[in-house]
N, C-alpha and C. Protein backbone atom coordinates (compact mmCIF):
# COMPACT_ATOMS: atom_id res chain seq x y z
N UNK A 1 4.89 -18.20 -50.94
CA UNK A 1 4.09 -18.25 -52.03
C UNK A 1 5.07 -18.63 -53.38
N UNK A 2 4.18 -19.49 -54.44
CA UNK A 2 5.00 -19.57 -55.78
C UNK A 2 4.95 -18.71 -56.66
N UNK A 3 3.67 -17.72 -56.39
CA UNK A 3 4.07 -16.09 -57.52
C UNK A 3 4.95 -15.58 -56.51
N UNK A 4 5.99 -14.93 -57.01
CA UNK A 4 7.22 -13.76 -57.30
C UNK A 4 6.77 -12.63 -58.02
N UNK A 5 6.74 -11.32 -57.26
CA UNK A 5 6.80 -10.51 -57.47
C UNK A 5 8.18 -9.85 -57.53
N UNK A 6 8.51 -9.56 -58.84
CA UNK A 6 9.82 -9.03 -59.00
C UNK A 6 10.01 -7.36 -59.22
N UNK A 7 8.68 -6.32 -58.58
CA UNK A 7 8.75 -5.56 -59.11
C UNK A 7 9.82 -4.56 -58.81
N UNK A 8 10.30 -4.69 -57.81
CA UNK A 8 11.38 -3.92 -57.02
C UNK A 8 12.61 -4.03 -58.05
N UNK A 9 13.04 -5.03 -58.81
CA UNK A 9 14.24 -5.22 -59.68
C UNK A 9 13.48 -4.62 -60.67
N UNK A 10 12.50 -4.35 -61.54
CA UNK A 10 11.92 -3.59 -62.79
C UNK A 10 12.13 -2.54 -62.49
N UNK A 11 11.48 -1.78 -61.79
CA UNK A 11 11.68 -0.72 -60.81
C UNK A 11 13.20 -0.16 -60.96
N UNK A 12 14.39 -1.15 -60.30
CA UNK A 12 15.18 -0.38 -60.22
C UNK A 12 16.32 -0.39 -61.88
N UNK A 13 15.66 -1.13 -62.62
CA UNK A 13 16.43 -1.41 -64.00
C UNK A 13 15.51 0.26 -64.55
N UNK A 14 14.55 0.22 -64.02
CA UNK A 14 13.70 1.62 -65.45
C UNK A 14 14.53 2.82 -64.30
N UNK A 15 14.90 2.89 -63.23
CA UNK A 15 15.53 3.93 -62.63
C UNK A 15 13.63 4.78 -61.81
N UNK A 16 13.02 4.07 -61.01
CA UNK A 16 11.76 4.65 -61.03
C UNK A 16 11.71 4.35 -59.50
N UNK A 17 11.56 5.64 -58.92
CA UNK A 17 11.16 5.39 -57.09
C UNK A 17 9.80 4.64 -57.29
N UNK A 18 9.52 4.38 -55.78
CA UNK A 18 8.39 3.60 -55.25
C UNK A 18 6.83 5.11 -55.30
N UNK A 19 7.22 5.77 -55.14
CA UNK A 19 6.36 7.19 -54.84
C UNK A 19 5.58 7.67 -56.58
N UNK A 20 6.85 7.66 -57.26
CA UNK A 20 6.85 8.12 -58.75
C UNK A 20 5.60 6.74 -59.27
N UNK A 21 6.29 5.95 -59.29
CA UNK A 21 4.90 4.63 -59.73
C UNK A 21 3.92 5.03 -59.09
N UNK A 22 3.72 4.85 -57.85
CA UNK A 22 2.62 4.55 -57.15
C UNK A 22 1.34 5.80 -57.58
N UNK A 23 2.36 7.46 -58.12
CA UNK A 23 1.66 8.70 -58.47
C UNK A 23 1.09 8.14 -60.02
N UNK A 24 1.73 7.67 -60.77
CA UNK A 24 1.57 7.13 -62.53
C UNK A 24 0.79 6.24 -62.45
N UNK A 25 0.76 5.07 -61.33
CA UNK A 25 -0.47 3.97 -61.06
C UNK A 25 -2.06 4.42 -60.57
N UNK A 26 -1.57 5.26 -60.16
CA UNK A 26 -2.85 5.65 -58.94
C UNK A 26 -3.05 5.26 -57.69
N UNK A 27 -1.95 4.10 -57.44
CA UNK A 27 -2.45 3.36 -55.95
C UNK A 27 -1.84 3.91 -54.80
N UNK A 28 -1.99 3.69 -53.85
CA UNK A 28 -1.70 3.98 -52.83
C UNK A 28 -0.11 3.79 -52.48
N UNK A 29 0.78 4.80 -51.84
CA UNK A 29 2.22 4.07 -51.66
C UNK A 29 2.04 2.61 -50.71
N UNK A 30 1.01 2.67 -49.90
CA UNK A 30 0.78 1.24 -48.89
C UNK A 30 0.62 0.04 -49.92
N UNK A 31 -0.11 0.25 -50.67
CA UNK A 31 -0.72 -0.92 -51.88
C UNK A 31 0.70 -1.49 -52.66
N UNK A 32 1.41 -0.51 -52.80
CA UNK A 32 2.49 -0.41 -54.21
C UNK A 32 3.52 -0.96 -53.02
N UNK A 33 3.86 -1.13 -52.14
CA UNK A 33 4.72 -1.72 -50.61
C UNK A 33 4.10 -3.31 -50.58
N UNK A 34 3.12 -3.29 -50.29
CA UNK A 34 2.56 -4.82 -50.23
C UNK A 34 3.20 -5.48 -51.73
N UNK A 35 2.60 -5.25 -52.51
CA UNK A 35 3.21 -5.71 -54.04
C UNK A 35 4.55 -6.38 -53.76
N UNK A 36 5.38 -5.03 -54.40
CA UNK A 36 6.82 -4.98 -53.71
C UNK A 36 7.49 -6.14 -52.86
N UNK A 37 6.64 -6.23 -51.96
CA UNK A 37 7.54 -7.01 -50.64
C UNK A 37 6.79 -8.20 -50.70
N UNK A 38 6.34 -8.84 -51.86
CA UNK A 38 5.33 -10.14 -52.08
C UNK A 38 4.54 -10.33 -51.03
N UNK A 39 4.15 -9.35 -50.12
CA UNK A 39 2.59 -9.57 -49.52
C UNK A 39 1.73 -9.22 -50.26
N UNK A 40 1.34 -9.34 -51.21
CA UNK A 40 -0.43 -9.31 -52.18
C UNK A 40 -0.88 -10.66 -52.47
N UNK A 41 -2.22 -11.10 -51.87
CA UNK A 41 -2.87 -12.33 -52.00
C UNK A 41 -3.10 -11.92 -53.91
N UNK A 42 -3.37 -11.11 -54.02
CA UNK A 42 -3.83 -10.69 -55.89
C UNK A 42 -3.50 -9.74 -56.00
N UNK A 43 -3.76 -9.32 -57.53
CA UNK A 43 -3.38 -8.32 -57.98
C UNK A 43 -4.97 -8.27 -59.11
N UNK A 44 -5.45 -6.93 -59.45
CA UNK A 44 -6.42 -6.91 -60.17
C UNK A 44 -5.33 -6.48 -61.78
N UNK A 45 -6.03 -6.86 -62.67
CA UNK A 45 -5.07 -7.00 -63.89
C UNK A 45 -5.19 -5.84 -64.72
N UNK A 46 -6.97 -4.70 -63.78
CA UNK A 46 -6.20 -3.52 -64.66
C UNK A 46 -4.59 -2.68 -63.36
N UNK A 47 -4.65 -3.13 -62.11
CA UNK A 47 -3.76 -2.19 -61.54
C UNK A 47 -2.09 -3.25 -62.15
N UNK A 48 -1.94 -4.33 -63.02
CA UNK A 48 -0.99 -4.75 -63.44
C UNK A 48 -0.94 -4.22 -64.79
N UNK A 49 -2.07 -3.53 -65.56
CA UNK A 49 -1.44 -3.35 -66.81
C UNK A 49 -1.14 -1.26 -66.95
N UNK A 50 -1.47 -1.33 -65.48
CA UNK A 50 -1.12 0.18 -65.76
C UNK A 50 0.13 -0.20 -64.93
N UNK A 51 0.21 -0.91 -64.41
CA UNK A 51 2.25 -0.56 -63.95
C UNK A 51 2.96 -1.14 -64.97
N UNK A 52 2.28 -1.99 -66.23
CA UNK A 52 2.92 -2.45 -67.24
C UNK A 52 3.26 -1.16 -67.99
N UNK A 53 2.32 -0.37 -68.22
CA UNK A 53 2.74 1.04 -69.08
C UNK A 53 3.32 1.56 -67.93
N UNK A 54 3.15 1.74 -67.18
CA UNK A 54 3.59 3.16 -66.42
C UNK A 54 5.67 2.57 -66.38
N UNK A 55 6.02 1.29 -66.59
CA UNK A 55 7.21 0.80 -66.42
C UNK A 55 8.02 -0.09 -67.73
N UNK A 56 6.75 0.43 -68.57
CA UNK A 56 7.09 -0.35 -70.42
C UNK A 56 8.02 -1.59 -70.31
N UNK A 57 6.69 -2.50 -69.43
CA UNK A 57 7.30 -3.94 -69.17
C UNK A 57 6.22 -4.98 -69.77
N UNK A 58 6.36 -6.20 -69.71
CA UNK A 58 5.21 -7.27 -69.53
C UNK A 58 5.39 -7.75 -68.64
N UNK A 59 3.81 -8.41 -68.03
CA UNK A 59 3.73 -8.90 -67.11
C UNK A 59 4.41 -10.23 -66.64
N UNK A 60 5.10 -10.84 -68.03
CA UNK A 60 5.92 -11.53 -67.27
C UNK A 60 7.30 -11.05 -66.83
N UNK A 61 7.84 -10.04 -66.97
CA UNK A 61 8.70 -9.46 -66.32
C UNK A 61 8.55 -9.38 -64.87
N UNK A 62 7.34 -8.91 -64.52
CA UNK A 62 7.04 -8.53 -62.86
C UNK A 62 6.60 -9.74 -62.18
N UNK A 63 6.36 -11.16 -62.60
CA UNK A 63 5.90 -12.33 -62.08
C UNK A 63 6.80 -13.02 -62.39
N UNK A 64 6.99 -13.84 -61.47
CA UNK A 64 7.33 -15.44 -61.83
C UNK A 64 7.00 -16.57 -61.00
N UNK A 65 6.89 -17.57 -61.50
CA UNK A 65 6.36 -18.49 -60.54
C UNK A 65 7.74 -19.45 -59.96
N UNK A 66 7.86 -19.76 -58.75
CA UNK A 66 8.52 -20.87 -58.20
C UNK A 66 7.81 -21.97 -57.71
N UNK A 67 7.85 -23.23 -58.08
CA UNK A 67 7.75 -24.35 -57.27
C UNK A 67 8.11 -24.97 -55.80
N UNK A 68 7.83 -24.35 -55.23
CA UNK A 68 7.66 -24.68 -53.72
C UNK A 68 7.83 -25.81 -52.93
N UNK A 69 7.64 -26.97 -53.91
CA UNK A 69 7.33 -28.22 -53.77
C UNK A 69 8.87 -28.95 -53.99
N UNK A 70 9.78 -28.57 -55.28
CA UNK A 70 10.84 -28.43 -56.06
C UNK A 70 12.16 -27.73 -55.12
N UNK A 71 12.51 -27.24 -53.94
CA UNK A 71 12.98 -26.48 -52.93
C UNK A 71 13.29 -27.47 -51.47
């Protein structure tokens, strides 16, 4: 997938556990795991906003584009 989710990196920098983030964002730990492991096909803007608020970061800190054609 060309869009990479760097959620685990940002969580480590902010020293926040997955269970704490899931509780703050009010999503299930299973759904958070799907995001963390780059298995998600989509993310709602409301979820992205809640994650950014909880981690005090920007969407660009969480998402990156990697051109698969240039690999």
